[in-house]
PDB file of N, CA and C in Angstrom:
ATOM      1  N   UNK A   1      98.489  72.477 107.512  1.00  0.00           N
ATOM      2  CA  UNK A   1      97.104  72.850 107.287  1.00  0.00           C
ATOM      3  C   UNK A   1      96.863  74.217 107.895  1.00  0.00           C
ATOM      4  N   UNK A   2      96.287  75.112 107.142  1.00  0.00           N
ATOM      5  CA  UNK A   2      96.055  76.449 107.609  1.00  0.00           C
ATOM      6  C   UNK A   2      94.652  76.599 108.186  1.00  0.00           C
ATOM      7  N   UNK A   3      94.547  77.547 109.082  1.00  0.00           N
ATOM      8  CA  UNK A   3      93.286  77.820 109.744  1.00  0.00           C
ATOM      9  C   UNK A   3      92.315  78.421 108.741  1.00  0.00           C
ATOM     10  N   UNK A   4      91.115  77.861 108.679  1.00  0.00           N
ATOM     11  CA  UNK A   4      90.077  78.418 107.827  1.00  0.00           C
ATOM     12  C   UNK A   4      89.030  79.037 108.735  1.00  0.00           C
ATOM     13  N   UNK A   5      88.891  80.327 108.627  1.00  0.00           N
ATOM     14  CA  UNK A   5      87.921  81.033 109.452  1.00  0.00           C
ATOM     15  C   UNK A   5      86.656  81.278 108.647  1.00  0.00           C
ATOM     16  N   UNK A   6      85.559  80.942 109.242  1.00  0.00           N
ATOM     17  CA  UNK A   6      84.263  81.225 108.648  1.00  0.00           C
ATOM     18  C   UNK A   6      83.475  82.009 109.684  1.00  0.00           C
ATOM     19  N   UNK A   7      82.398  82.646 109.285  1.00  0.00           N
ATOM     20  CA  UNK A   7      81.620  83.393 110.268  1.00  0.00           C
ATOM     21  C   UNK A   7      81.166  82.532 111.445  1.00  0.00           C
ATOM     22  N   UNK A   8      80.966  81.236 111.235  1.00  0.00           N
ATOM     23  CA  UNK A   8      80.515  80.355 112.302  1.00  0.00           C
ATOM     24  C   UNK A   8      81.669  79.817 113.139  1.00  0.00           C
ATOM     25  N   UNK A   9      82.910  79.971 112.671  1.00  0.00           N
ATOM     26  CA  UNK A   9      84.064  79.449 113.400  1.00  0.00           C
ATOM     27  C   UNK A   9      84.381  80.364 114.577  1.00  0.00           C
ATOM     28  N   UNK A  10      84.761  79.772 115.710  1.00  0.00           N
ATOM     29  CA  UNK A  10      85.109  80.623 116.853  1.00  0.00           C
ATOM     30  C   UNK A  10      86.396  81.391 116.579  1.00  0.00           C
ATOM     31  N   UNK A  11      86.476  82.586 117.116  1.00  0.00           N
ATOM     32  CA  UNK A  11      87.689  83.390 116.953  1.00  0.00           C
ATOM     33  C   UNK A  11      88.825  82.735 117.723  1.00  0.00           C
ATOM     34  N   UNK A  12      90.011  82.716 117.148  1.00  0.00           N
ATOM     35  CA  UNK A  12      91.155  82.147 117.861  1.00  0.00           C
ATOM     36  C   UNK A  12      91.430  82.932 119.138  1.00  0.00           C
ATOM     37  N   UNK A  13      91.986  82.261 120.110  1.00  0.00           N
ATOM     38  CA  UNK A  13      92.270  82.889 121.398  1.00  0.00           C
ATOM     39  C   UNK A  13      93.556  83.698 121.316  1.00  0.00           C
ATOM     40  N   UNK A  14      93.437  84.928 120.861  1.00  0.00           N
ATOM     41  CA  UNK A  14      94.587  85.819 120.804  1.00  0.00           C
ATOM     42  C   UNK A  14      94.503  86.793 121.970  1.00  0.00           C
ATOM     43  N   UNK A  15      95.656  87.032 122.587  1.00  0.00           N
ATOM     44  CA  UNK A  15      95.728  88.018 123.668  1.00  0.00           C
ATOM     45  C   UNK A  15      95.476  89.409 123.086  1.00  0.00           C
ATOM     46  N   UNK A  16      95.030  90.339 123.903  1.00  0.00           N
ATOM     47  CA  UNK A  16      94.763  91.694 123.391  1.00  0.00           C
ATOM     48  C   UNK A  16      95.961  92.321 122.673  1.00  0.00           C
ATOM     49  N   UNK A  17      97.171  92.165 123.195  1.00  0.00           N
ATOM     50  CA  UNK A  17      98.350  92.744 122.543  1.00  0.00           C
ATOM     51  C   UNK A  17      98.661  92.021 121.236  1.00  0.00           C
ATOM     52  N   UNK A  18      98.379  90.734 121.170  1.00  0.00           N
ATOM     53  CA  UNK A  18      98.559  89.997 119.911  1.00  0.00           C
ATOM     54  C   UNK A  18      97.584  90.524 118.868  1.00  0.00           C
ATOM     55  N   UNK A  19      96.342  90.753 119.276  1.00  0.00           N
ATOM     56  CA  UNK A  19      95.342  91.288 118.349  1.00  0.00           C
ATOM     57  C   UNK A  19      95.751  92.680 117.862  1.00  0.00           C
ATOM     58  N   UNK A  20      96.249  93.507 118.766  1.00  0.00           N
ATOM     59  CA  UNK A  20      96.683  94.854 118.384  1.00  0.00           C
ATOM     60  C   UNK A  20      97.860  94.787 117.412  1.00  0.00           C
ATOM     61  N   UNK A  21      98.803  93.903 117.696  1.00  0.00           N
ATOM     62  CA  UNK A  21      99.956  93.723 116.810  1.00  0.00           C
ATOM     63  C   UNK A  21      99.496  93.264 115.435  1.00  0.00           C
ATOM     64  N   UNK A  22      98.603  92.303 115.403  1.00  0.00           N
ATOM     65  CA  UNK A  22      98.078  91.790 114.133  1.00  0.00           C
ATOM     66  C   UNK A  22      97.394  92.908 113.354  1.00  0.00           C
ATOM     67  N   UNK A  23      96.652  93.745 114.035  1.00  0.00           N
ATOM     68  CA  UNK A  23      95.956  94.854 113.373  1.00  0.00           C
ATOM     69  C   UNK A  23      96.959  95.809 112.711  1.00  0.00           C
ATOM     70  N   UNK A  24      98.038  96.125 113.405  1.00  0.00           N
ATOM     71  CA  UNK A  24      99.047  97.028 112.850  1.00  0.00           C
ATOM     72  C   UNK A  24      99.747  96.411 111.633  1.00  0.00           C
ATOM     73  N   UNK A  25     100.139  95.158 111.742  1.00  0.00           N
ATOM     74  CA  UNK A  25     100.839  94.496 110.636  1.00  0.00           C
ATOM     75  C   UNK A  25      99.912  94.368 109.428  1.00  0.00           C
ATOM     76  N   UNK A  26      98.655  94.028 109.679  1.00  0.00           N
ATOM     77  CA  UNK A  26      97.691  93.899 108.579  1.00  0.00           C
ATOM     78  C   UNK A  26      97.433  95.243 107.907  1.00  0.00           C
ATOM     79  N   UNK A  27      97.636  96.330 108.644  1.00  0.00           N
ATOM     80  CA  UNK A  27      97.461  97.670 108.074  1.00  0.00           C
ATOM     81  C   UNK A  27      98.673  98.101 107.254  1.00  0.00           C
ATOM     82  N   UNK A  28      99.692  97.243 107.209  1.00  0.00           N
ATOM     83  CA  UNK A  28     100.855  97.534 106.377  1.00  0.00           C
ATOM     84  C   UNK A  28     102.022  98.162 107.118  1.00  0.00           C
ATOM     85  N   UNK A  29     101.933  98.242 108.419  1.00  0.00           N
ATOM     86  CA  UNK A  29     103.039  98.811 109.192  1.00  0.00           C
ATOM     87  C   UNK A  29     104.175  97.803 109.321  1.00  0.00           C
ATOM     88  N   UNK A  30     105.384  98.299 109.443  1.00  0.00           N
ATOM     89  CA  UNK A  30     106.543  97.429 109.642  1.00  0.00           C
ATOM     90  C   UNK A  30     106.606  97.018 111.114  1.00  0.00           C
ATOM     91  N   UNK A  31     107.492  96.061 111.401  1.00  0.00           N
ATOM     92  CA  UNK A  31     107.697  95.650 112.793  1.00  0.00           C
ATOM     93  C   UNK A  31     108.134  96.856 113.615  1.00  0.00           C
ATOM     94  N   UNK A  32     109.048  97.664 113.083  1.00  0.00           N
ATOM     95  CA  UNK A  32     109.562  98.813 113.818  1.00  0.00           C
ATOM     96  C   UNK A  32     108.480  99.865 114.042  1.00  0.00           C
ATOM     97  N   UNK A  33     107.679 100.142 113.024  1.00  0.00           N
ATOM     98  CA  UNK A  33     106.584 101.104 113.179  1.00  0.00           C
ATOM     99  C   UNK A  33     105.584 100.611 114.221  1.00  0.00           C
ATOM    100  N   UNK A  34     105.268  99.319 114.162  1.00  0.00           N
ATOM    101  CA  UNK A  34     104.335  98.725 115.119  1.00  0.00           C
ATOM    102  C   UNK A  34     104.904  98.829 116.527  1.00  0.00           C
ATOM    103  N   UNK A  35     106.182  98.497 116.676  1.00  0.00           N
ATOM    104  CA  UNK A  35     106.829  98.550 117.984  1.00  0.00           C
ATOM    105  C   UNK A  35     106.787  99.963 118.561  1.00  0.00           C
ATOM    106  N   UNK A  36     107.121 100.937 117.754  1.00  0.00           N
ATOM    107  CA  UNK A  36     107.117 102.331 118.224  1.00  0.00           C
ATOM    108  C   UNK A  36     105.717 102.767 118.644  1.00  0.00           C
ATOM    109  N   UNK A  37     104.725 102.409 117.842  1.00  0.00           N
ATOM    110  CA  UNK A  37     103.347 102.799 118.155  1.00  0.00           C
ATOM    111  C   UNK A  37     102.858 102.151 119.448  1.00  0.00           C
ATOM    112  N   UNK A  38     103.279 100.904 119.683  1.00  0.00           N
ATOM    113  CA  UNK A  38     102.825 100.161 120.859  1.00  0.00           C
ATOM    114  C   UNK A  38     103.741 100.353 122.073  1.00  0.00           C
ATOM    115  N   UNK A  39     104.866 101.044 121.887  1.00  0.00           N
ATOM    116  CA  UNK A  39     105.797 101.244 122.983  1.00  0.00           C
ATOM    117  C   UNK A  39     106.567  99.982 123.347  1.00  0.00           C
ATOM    118  N   UNK A  40     106.900  99.184 122.332  1.00  0.00           N
ATOM    119  CA  UNK A  40     107.593  97.909 122.529  1.00  0.00           C
ATOM    120  C   UNK A  40     108.877  97.891 121.718  1.00  0.00           C
ATOM    121  N   UNK A  41     109.677  96.850 121.928  1.00  0.00           N
ATOM    122  CA  UNK A  41     110.825  96.636 121.046  1.00  0.00           C
ATOM    123  C   UNK A  41     110.353  95.847 119.831  1.00  0.00           C
ATOM    124  N   UNK A  42     111.107  95.953 118.741  1.00  0.00           N
ATOM    125  CA  UNK A  42     110.706  95.193 117.554  1.00  0.00           C
ATOM    126  C   UNK A  42     110.832  93.692 117.809  1.00  0.00           C
ATOM    127  N   UNK A  43     111.663  93.307 118.769  1.00  0.00           N
ATOM    128  CA  UNK A  43     111.799  91.887 119.120  1.00  0.00           C
ATOM    129  C   UNK A  43     110.532  91.369 119.795  1.00  0.00           C
ATOM    130  N   UNK A  44     109.885  92.221 120.578  1.00  0.00           N
ATOM    131  CA  UNK A  44     108.628  91.839 121.209  1.00  0.00           C
ATOM    132  C   UNK A  44     107.537  91.688 120.154  1.00  0.00           C
ATOM    133  N   UNK A  45     107.507  92.600 119.200  1.00  0.00           N
ATOM    134  CA  UNK A  45     106.546  92.503 118.100  1.00  0.00           C
ATOM    135  C   UNK A  45     106.773  91.199 117.341  1.00  0.00           C
ATOM    136  N   UNK A  46     108.030  90.875 117.067  1.00  0.00           N
ATOM    137  CA  UNK A  46     108.354  89.627 116.392  1.00  0.00           C
ATOM    138  C   UNK A  46     107.866  88.429 117.205  1.00  0.00           C
ATOM    139  N   UNK A  47     108.054  88.471 118.517  1.00  0.00           N
ATOM    140  CA  UNK A  47     107.604  87.371 119.380  1.00  0.00           C
ATOM    141  C   UNK A  47     106.084  87.236 119.323  1.00  0.00           C
ATOM    142  N   UNK A  48     105.361  88.358 119.378  1.00  0.00           N
ATOM    143  CA  UNK A  48     103.896  88.315 119.269  1.00  0.00           C
ATOM    144  C   UNK A  48     103.473  87.677 117.950  1.00  0.00           C
ATOM    145  N   UNK A  49     104.126  88.077 116.868  1.00  0.00           N
ATOM    146  CA  UNK A  49     103.749  87.549 115.555  1.00  0.00           C
ATOM    147  C   UNK A  49     104.084  86.060 115.429  1.00  0.00           C
ATOM    148  N   UNK A  50     105.189  85.628 116.036  1.00  0.00           N
ATOM    149  CA  UNK A  50     105.499  84.192 116.024  1.00  0.00           C
ATOM    150  C   UNK A  50     104.427  83.415 116.780  1.00  0.00           C
ATOM    151  N   UNK A  51     103.968  83.957 117.910  1.00  0.00           N
ATOM    152  CA  UNK A  51     102.907  83.285 118.672  1.00  0.00           C
ATOM    153  C   UNK A  51     101.601  83.249 117.888  1.00  0.00           C
ATOM    154  N   UNK A  52     101.267  84.350 117.233  1.00  0.00           N
ATOM    155  CA  UNK A  52     100.044  84.397 116.417  1.00  0.00           C
ATOM    156  C   UNK A  52     100.125  83.349 115.311  1.00  0.00           C
ATOM    157  N   UNK A  53     101.259  83.312 114.610  1.00  0.00           N
ATOM    158  CA  UNK A  53     101.422  82.342 113.523  1.00  0.00           C
ATOM    159  C   UNK A  53     101.301  80.911 114.037  1.00  0.00           C
ATOM    160  N   UNK A  54     101.864  80.631 115.200  1.00  0.00           N
ATOM    161  CA  UNK A  54     101.784  79.288 115.779  1.00  0.00           C
ATOM    162  C   UNK A  54     100.341  78.951 116.167  1.00  0.00           C
ATOM    163  N   UNK A  55      99.644  79.891 116.797  1.00  0.00           N
ATOM    164  CA  UNK A  55      98.264  79.659 117.219  1.00  0.00           C
ATOM    165  C   UNK A  55      97.341  79.424 116.029  1.00  0.00           C
ATOM    166  N   UNK A  56      97.578  80.172 114.947  1.00  0.00           N
ATOM    167  CA  UNK A  56      96.686  80.122 113.791  1.00  0.00           C
ATOM    168  C   UNK A  56      97.191  79.206 112.678  1.00  0.00           C
ATOM    169  N   UNK A  57      98.382  78.645 112.869  1.00  0.00           N
ATOM    170  CA  UNK A  57      98.996  77.756 111.883  1.00  0.00           C
ATOM    171  C   UNK A  57      99.084  78.422 110.514  1.00  0.00           C
ATOM    172  N   UNK A  58      99.661  79.637 110.496  1.00  0.00           N
ATOM    173  CA  UNK A  58      99.857  80.350 109.243  1.00  0.00           C
ATOM    174  C   UNK A  58     101.318  80.781 109.125  1.00  0.00           C
ATOM    175  N   UNK A  59     101.745  81.053 107.898  1.00  0.00           N
ATOM    176  CA  UNK A  59     103.160  81.333 107.687  1.00  0.00           C
ATOM    177  C   UNK A  59     103.453  82.659 106.997  1.00  0.00           C
ATOM    178  N   UNK A  60     102.512  83.227 106.303  1.00  0.00           N
ATOM    179  CA  UNK A  60     102.814  84.429 105.525  1.00  0.00           C
ATOM    180  C   UNK A  60     102.084  85.657 106.059  1.00  0.00           C
ATOM    181  N   UNK A  61     102.614  86.814 105.711  1.00  0.00           N
ATOM    182  CA  UNK A  61     101.967  88.069 106.081  1.00  0.00           C
ATOM    183  C   UNK A  61     100.621  88.203 105.380  1.00  0.00           C
ATOM    184  N   UNK A  62     100.535  87.702 104.173  1.00  0.00           N
ATOM    185  CA  UNK A  62      99.253  87.742 103.454  1.00  0.00           C
ATOM    186  C   UNK A  62      98.185  86.969 104.225  1.00  0.00           C
ATOM    187  N   UNK A  63      98.555  85.813 104.755  1.00  0.00           N
ATOM    188  CA  UNK A  63      97.598  85.042 105.560  1.00  0.00           C
ATOM    189  C   UNK A  63      97.254  85.781 106.849  1.00  0.00           C
ATOM    190  N   UNK A  64      98.252  86.426 107.470  1.00  0.00           N
ATOM    191  CA  UNK A  64      97.980  87.228 108.663  1.00  0.00           C
ATOM    192  C   UNK A  64      96.957  88.314 108.348  1.00  0.00           C
ATOM    193  N   UNK A  65      97.138  88.966 107.223  1.00  0.00           N
ATOM    194  CA  UNK A  65      96.226  90.030 106.816  1.00  0.00           C
ATOM    195  C   UNK A  65      94.824  89.488 106.576  1.00  0.00           C
ATOM    196  N   UNK A  66      94.734  88.342 105.908  1.00  0.00           N
ATOM    197  CA  UNK A  66      93.429  87.731 105.653  1.00  0.00           C
ATOM    198  C   UNK A  66      92.712  87.418 106.966  1.00  0.00           C
ATOM    199  N   UNK A  67      93.443  86.860 107.924  1.00  0.00           N
ATOM    200  CA  UNK A  67      92.852  86.535 109.222  1.00  0.00           C
ATOM    201  C   UNK A  67      92.420  87.806 109.940  1.00  0.00           C
ATOM    202  N   UNK A  68      93.235  88.843 109.894  1.00  0.00           N
ATOM    203  CA  UNK A  68      92.890  90.109 110.536  1.00  0.00           C
ATOM    204  C   UNK A  68      91.593  90.668 109.959  1.00  0.00           C
ATOM    205  N   UNK A  69      91.445  90.606 108.663  1.00  0.00           N
ATOM    206  CA  UNK A  69      90.213  91.084 108.014  1.00  0.00           C
ATOM    207  C   UNK A  69      89.028  90.246 108.449  1.00  0.00           C
ATOM    208  N   UNK A  70      89.219  88.936 108.471  1.00  0.00           N
ATOM    209  CA  UNK A  70      88.147  88.025 108.879  1.00  0.00           C
ATOM    210  C   UNK A  70      87.720  88.290 110.312  1.00  0.00           C
ATOM    211  N   UNK A  71      88.694  88.614 111.175  1.00  0.00           N
ATOM    212  CA  UNK A  71      88.390  88.898 112.585  1.00  0.00           C
ATOM    213  C   UNK A  71      87.891  90.311 112.814  1.00  0.00           C
ATOM    214  N   UNK A  72      87.860  91.111 111.756  1.00  0.00           N
ATOM    215  CA  UNK A  72      87.380  92.480 111.880  1.00  0.00           C
ATOM    216  C   UNK A  72      88.373  93.426 112.528  1.00  0.00           C
ATOM    217  N   UNK A  73      89.659  93.095 112.399  1.00  0.00           N
ATOM    218  CA  UNK A  73      90.684  93.958 112.999  1.00  0.00           C
ATOM    219  C   UNK A  73      91.077  95.032 112.011  1.00  0.00           C
TER     220      UNK A  73
END
């Protein structure tokens, strides 16, 4: 079951770096581009995205992008 966000639904508890990572990926950046911009390794970016997917119960980049838009990222 995927997370359904509505304006009345509380925002998921994402850490600031998770939110920043989500914003970059939703903007179409690759893991490597995101890592370079944030000063991280691409493995760290991957770990952030795995945590985001687990917290939000989503599996695709399209869903990540939809959530980012809904959250105003």
